[in-house]
C-alpha atoms as a PDB file:
ATOM      1  CA  MET A   1     137.509 -81.132 -67.490  1.00  0.00           C
ATOM      2  CA  ALA A   2     135.559 -84.238 -67.686  1.00  0.00           C
ATOM      3  CA  VAL A   3     132.051 -84.688 -66.358  1.00  0.00           C
ATOM      4  CA  TYR A   4     131.828 -87.610 -64.107  1.00  0.00           C
ATOM      5  CA  LYS A   5     128.357 -89.320 -63.441  1.00  0.00           C
ATOM      6  CA  TYR A   6     127.396 -90.686 -60.271  1.00  0.00           C
ATOM      7  CA  SER A   7     127.048 -94.495 -59.780  1.00  0.00           C
ATOM      8  CA  VAL A   8     123.496 -94.188 -58.328  1.00  0.00           C
ATOM      9  CA  LYS A   9     120.301 -92.332 -59.214  1.00  0.00           C
ATOM     10  CA  ILE A  10     119.867 -89.043 -57.316  1.00  0.00           C
ATOM     11  CA  GLY A  11     116.194 -88.606 -56.433  1.00  0.00           C
ATOM     12  CA  GLU A  12     114.122 -85.793 -55.206  1.00  0.00           C
ATOM     13  CA  LYS A  13     114.778 -86.539 -51.526  1.00  0.00           C
ATOM     14  CA  SER A  14     118.546 -86.838 -52.132  1.00  0.00           C
ATOM     15  CA  ALA A  15     121.594 -84.573 -52.717  1.00  0.00           C
ATOM     16  CA  ALA A  16     125.061 -85.490 -53.708  1.00  0.00           C
ATOM     17  CA  SER A  17     128.670 -84.175 -53.909  1.00  0.00           C
ATOM     18  CA  GLN A  18     131.794 -85.500 -55.496  1.00  0.00           C
ATOM     19  CA  SER A  19     135.426 -84.925 -55.743  1.00  0.00           C
ATOM     20  CA  HIS A  20     137.748 -85.998 -58.597  1.00  0.00           C
ATOM     21  CA  ASP A  21     141.437 -86.074 -59.132  1.00  0.00           C
ATOM     22  CA  SER A  22     142.039 -85.853 -55.366  1.00  0.00           C
ATOM     23  CA  ASP A  23     145.442 -86.302 -53.998  1.00  0.00           C
ATOM     24  CA  ALA A  24     144.389 -89.073 -51.471  1.00  0.00           C
ATOM     25  CA  SER A  25     144.453 -92.784 -51.123  1.00  0.00           C
ATOM     26  CA  TYR A  26     141.356 -94.324 -52.584  1.00  0.00           C
ATOM     27  CA  LYS A  27     141.915 -97.298 -50.204  1.00  0.00           C
ATOM     28  CA  ASP A  28     141.619 -95.106 -47.224  1.00  0.00           C
ATOM     29  CA  LEU A  29     138.709 -93.232 -48.710  1.00  0.00           C
ATOM     30  CA  GLY A  30     136.818 -96.539 -49.256  1.00  0.00           C
ATOM     31  CA  GLU A  31     137.340 -97.483 -45.572  1.00  0.00           C
ATOM     32  CA  ILE A  32     136.130 -94.122 -44.496  1.00  0.00           C
ATOM     33  CA  CYS A  33     133.109 -94.520 -46.903  1.00  0.00           C
ATOM     34  CA  ARG A  34     132.366 -97.951 -45.291  1.00  0.00           C
ATOM     35  CA  ALA A  35     132.308 -96.228 -41.853  1.00  0.00           C
ATOM     36  CA  LEU A  36     130.067 -93.480 -42.978  1.00  0.00           C
ATOM     37  CA  ARG A  37     127.386 -95.407 -45.012  1.00  0.00           C
ATOM     38  CA  GLY A  38     123.901 -95.566 -43.311  1.00  0.00           C
ATOM     39  CA  LYS A  39     124.706 -93.217 -40.605  1.00  0.00           C
ATOM     40  CA  SER A  40     123.162 -89.723 -39.832  1.00  0.00           C
ATOM     41  CA  ILE A  41     124.957 -86.569 -40.562  1.00  0.00           C
ATOM     42  CA  ALA A  42     125.763 -85.871 -36.902  1.00  0.00           C
ATOM     43  CA  ALA A  43     127.157 -89.383 -36.409  1.00  0.00           C
ATOM     44  CA  CYS A  44     129.354 -88.842 -39.502  1.00  0.00           C
ATOM     45  CA  ARG A  45     130.659 -85.492 -38.357  1.00  0.00           C
ATOM     46  CA  LYS A  46     131.547 -87.081 -35.056  1.00  0.00           C
ATOM     47  CA  ILE A  47     133.269 -90.087 -36.607  1.00  0.00           C
ATOM     48  CA  LEU A  48     135.407 -87.780 -38.960  1.00  0.00           C
ATOM     49  CA  ASP A  49     136.232 -85.319 -36.256  1.00  0.00           C
ATOM     50  CA  GLU A  50     137.445 -88.026 -33.768  1.00  0.00           C
ATOM     51  CA  ALA A  51     139.528 -89.669 -36.530  1.00  0.00           C
ATOM     52  CA  ILE A  52     141.204 -86.247 -37.346  1.00  0.00           C
ATOM     53  CA  SER A  53     141.819 -85.566 -33.658  1.00  0.00           C
ATOM     54  CA  MET A  54     143.188 -89.204 -33.240  1.00  0.00           C
ATOM     55  CA  LYS A  55     140.726 -90.066 -30.580  1.00  0.00           C
ATOM     56  CA  ARG A  56     138.905 -92.977 -32.328  1.00  0.00           C
ATOM     57  CA  ALA A  57     140.289 -94.869 -35.338  1.00  0.00           C
ATOM     58  CA  ILE A  58     138.456 -95.689 -38.589  1.00  0.00           C
ATOM     59  CA  PRO A  59     137.838 -99.342 -38.798  1.00  0.00           C
ATOM     60  CA  TYR A  60     139.798-101.136 -41.671  1.00  0.00           C
ATOM     61  CA  VAL A  61     138.062-104.199 -43.093  1.00  0.00           C
ATOM     62  CA  ARG A  62     139.234-104.832 -46.699  1.00  0.00           C
ATOM     63  CA  HIS A  63     142.674-102.914 -46.942  1.00  0.00           C
ATOM     64  CA  SER A  64     143.813-104.090 -43.414  1.00  0.00           C
ATOM     65  CA  GLY A  65     147.203-105.768 -44.162  1.00  0.00           C
ATOM     66  CA  ARG A  66     149.987-104.705 -41.902  1.00  0.00           C
ATOM     67  CA  CYS A  67     147.399-102.715 -40.028  1.00  0.00           C
ATOM     68  CA  GLY A  68     147.480-102.515 -36.179  1.00  0.00           C
ATOM     69  CA  ALA A  69     144.657-103.443 -33.806  1.00  0.00           C
ATOM     70  CA  ARG A  70     143.151-100.455 -31.948  1.00  0.00           C
ATOM     71  CA  SER A  71     141.873-100.725 -28.369  1.00  0.00           C
ATOM     72  CA  GLU A  72     139.088 -98.151 -28.889  1.00  0.00           C
ATOM     73  CA  LEU A  73     137.848-100.329 -31.681  1.00  0.00           C
ATOM     74  CA  GLY A  74     137.722-103.461 -29.298  1.00  0.00           C
ATOM     75  CA  GLY A  75     140.839-105.033 -30.947  1.00  0.00           C
ATOM     76  CA  GLN A  76     139.593-104.421 -34.471  1.00  0.00           C
ATOM     77  CA  LYS A  77     142.092-103.209 -36.964  1.00  0.00           C
ATOM     78  CA  GLY A  78     142.018 -99.506 -37.818  1.00  0.00           C
ATOM     79  CA  ARG A  79     144.010 -96.362 -38.650  1.00  0.00           C
ATOM     80  CA  TYR A  80     143.807 -92.555 -38.494  1.00  0.00           C
ATOM     81  CA  PRO A  81     143.630 -91.273 -42.102  1.00  0.00           C
ATOM     82  CA  LYS A  82     143.676 -87.518 -41.235  1.00  0.00           C
ATOM     83  CA  LYS A  83     144.043 -86.278 -44.864  1.00  0.00           C
ATOM     84  CA  GLU A  84     141.374 -88.383 -46.264  1.00  0.00           C
ATOM     85  CA  CYS A  85     138.872 -87.491 -43.314  1.00  0.00           C
ATOM     86  CA  LYS A  86     139.442 -83.785 -43.842  1.00  0.00           C
ATOM     87  CA  LEU A  87     138.493 -84.442 -47.500  1.00  0.00           C
ATOM     88  CA  MET A  88     135.438 -86.352 -46.628  1.00  0.00           C
ATOM     89  CA  ARG A  89     134.330 -83.868 -44.132  1.00  0.00           C
ATOM     90  CA  ALA A  90     134.478 -81.048 -46.659  1.00  0.00           C
ATOM     91  CA  LEU A  91     132.522 -83.368 -49.250  1.00  0.00           C
ATOM     92  CA  LEU A  92     129.966 -84.193 -46.426  1.00  0.00           C
ATOM     93  CA  GLU A  93     129.407 -80.511 -45.784  1.00  0.00           C
ATOM     94  CA  ASN A  94     128.964 -79.832 -49.480  1.00  0.00           C
ATOM     95  CA  ALA A  95     126.345 -82.696 -49.918  1.00  0.00           C
ATOM     96  CA  VAL A  96     124.342 -81.257 -46.842  1.00  0.00           C
ATOM     97  CA  ALA A  97     124.619 -77.685 -48.374  1.00  0.00           C
ATOM     98  CA  ASN A  98     123.089 -79.107 -51.573  1.00  0.00           C
ATOM     99  CA  ALA A  99     120.480 -80.868 -49.649  1.00  0.00           C
ATOM    100  CA  LYS A 100     119.411 -77.682 -47.818  1.00  0.00           C
ATOM    101  CA  HIS A 101     119.314 -75.940 -51.098  1.00  0.00           C
ATOM    102  CA  LYS A 102     116.833 -78.431 -52.492  1.00  0.00           C
ATOM    103  CA  GLY A 103     114.754 -77.836 -49.188  1.00  0.00           C
ATOM    104  CA  LEU A 104     115.566 -80.949 -47.339  1.00  0.00           C
ATOM    105  CA  ASP A 105     115.618 -81.201 -43.433  1.00  0.00           C
ATOM    106  CA  GLU A 106     119.207 -81.612 -42.343  1.00  0.00           C
ATOM    107  CA  ALA A 107     118.108 -83.435 -39.107  1.00  0.00           C
ATOM    108  CA  LYS A 108     116.674 -86.238 -41.186  1.00  0.00           C
ATOM    109  CA  LEU A 109     119.549 -86.622 -43.559  1.00  0.00           C
ATOM    110  CA  VAL A 110     121.417 -90.046 -43.677  1.00  0.00           C
ATOM    111  CA  VAL A 111     124.364 -90.899 -45.847  1.00  0.00           C
ATOM    112  CA  SER A 112     122.630 -93.391 -48.221  1.00  0.00           C
ATOM    113  CA  HIS A 113     125.758 -93.848 -50.689  1.00  0.00           C
ATOM    114  CA  ALA A 114     129.564 -93.407 -50.382  1.00  0.00           C
ATOM    115  CA  ALA A 115     132.037 -94.780 -52.554  1.00  0.00           C
ATOM    116  CA  SER A 116     135.577 -94.222 -53.830  1.00  0.00           C
ATOM    117  CA  TYR A 117     137.353 -95.184 -56.866  1.00  0.00           C
ATOM    118  CA  LYS A 118     140.952 -95.126 -58.362  1.00  0.00           C
ATOM    119  CA  GLN A 119     140.959 -92.575 -60.980  1.00  0.00           C
ATOM    120  CA  ASN A 120     144.452 -91.939 -62.540  1.00  0.00           C
ATOM    121  CA  GLU A 121     147.858 -93.462 -62.261  1.00  0.00           C
ATOM    122  CA  PHE A 122     150.811 -91.479 -63.340  1.00  0.00           C
ATOM    123  CA  PRO A 123     154.242 -93.172 -63.590  1.00  0.00           C
ATOM    124  CA  ARG A 124     156.771 -91.772 -61.146  1.00  0.00           C
ATOM    125  CA  TYR A 125     160.360 -92.622 -60.968  1.00  0.00           C
ATOM    126  CA  ARG A 126     163.137 -91.705 -58.479  1.00  0.00           C
ATOM    127  CA  ARG A 127     165.628 -89.187 -60.035  1.00  0.00           C
ATOM    128  CA  THR A 128     168.582 -90.925 -58.349  1.00  0.00           C
ATOM    129  CA  TRP A 129     168.940 -94.623 -57.503  1.00  0.00           C
ATOM    130  CA  ALA A 130     169.123 -95.262 -53.873  1.00  0.00           C
ATOM    131  CA  GLY A 131     171.246 -98.124 -52.523  1.00  0.00           C
ATOM    132  CA  SER A 132     169.710-101.447 -51.193  1.00  0.00           C
ATOM    133  CA  ASN A 133     170.585-100.460 -47.639  1.00  0.00           C
ATOM    134  CA  THR A 134     168.002 -97.592 -48.064  1.00  0.00           C
ATOM    135  CA  LEU A 135     165.012 -99.103 -49.807  1.00  0.00           C
ATOM    136  CA  GLY A 136     165.567-102.713 -50.419  1.00  0.00           C
ATOM    137  CA  TYR A 137     166.173-104.674 -53.538  1.00  0.00           C
ATOM    138  CA  GLY A 138     164.737-104.614 -56.997  1.00  0.00           C
ATOM    139  CA  LYS A 139     162.293-102.549 -58.867  1.00  0.00           C
ATOM    140  CA  GLN A 140     160.592-101.016 -55.763  1.00  0.00           C
ATOM    141  CA  ALA A 141     163.763 -99.012 -55.172  1.00  0.00           C
ATOM    142  CA  VAL A 142     163.091 -96.797 -58.335  1.00  0.00           C
ATOM    143  CA  TRP A 143     159.490 -97.203 -58.872  1.00  0.00           C
ATOM    144  CA  GLY A 144     156.480 -95.518 -57.196  1.00  0.00           C
ATOM    145  CA  ASN A 145     153.374 -94.485 -59.130  1.00  0.00           C
ATOM    146  CA  TYR A 146     151.224 -91.415 -58.253  1.00  0.00           C
ATOM    147  CA  MET A 147     147.596 -92.317 -57.919  1.00  0.00           C
ATOM    148  CA  THR A 148     144.502 -89.913 -57.663  1.00  0.00           C
ATOM    149  CA  ALA A 149     141.121 -90.724 -56.339  1.00  0.00           C
ATOM    150  CA  ARG A 150     137.391 -89.885 -57.045  1.00  0.00           C
ATOM    151  CA  VAL A 151     135.011 -90.063 -54.152  1.00  0.00           C
ATOM    152  CA  GLU A 152     131.056 -89.502 -54.193  1.00  0.00           C
ATOM    153  CA  ILE A 153     128.663 -89.164 -51.292  1.00  0.00           C
ATOM    154  CA  VAL A 154     124.838 -89.162 -51.489  1.00  0.00           C
ATOM    155  CA  VAL A 155     122.619 -88.056 -48.586  1.00  0.00           C
ATOM    156  CA  SER A 156     118.924 -88.822 -48.492  1.00  0.00           C
ATOM    157  CA  GLU A 157     115.997 -87.931 -46.277  1.00  0.00           C
ATOM    158  CA  LYS A 158     114.970 -90.801 -43.969  1.00  0.00           C
END
């Protein structure tokens, strides 16, 4: 198993957590990271829980093609990435536990850094060819790669 370094320095008043080879969309994880960055732990938990229960969408800024507008976001584009939110919730709890172990106060913690990366891409083919009525024309009918993601989160005392 490879050791992955963090993309930022972890100081004395910070704690971190990361997940690699996750079976999740790195694009969705990136949008969730954007929504969590700079917020307190309580606010982050609320955002993730509301997205999991489909009460409030995660705003999509960068990967927002063919994305519907949400009334709860004031007409802004957004989605409900439940699987990725559950992964980020577990990662956030791990980072908070690491911070508590370092002796940091949970009430003062803020997400200072959150990022996701595309990690591996494995070629994946369909076993049987599907007709054009099913999938469309061309290479997309038989081609669909499997991608994994790496995500990291750093919490710091304010």
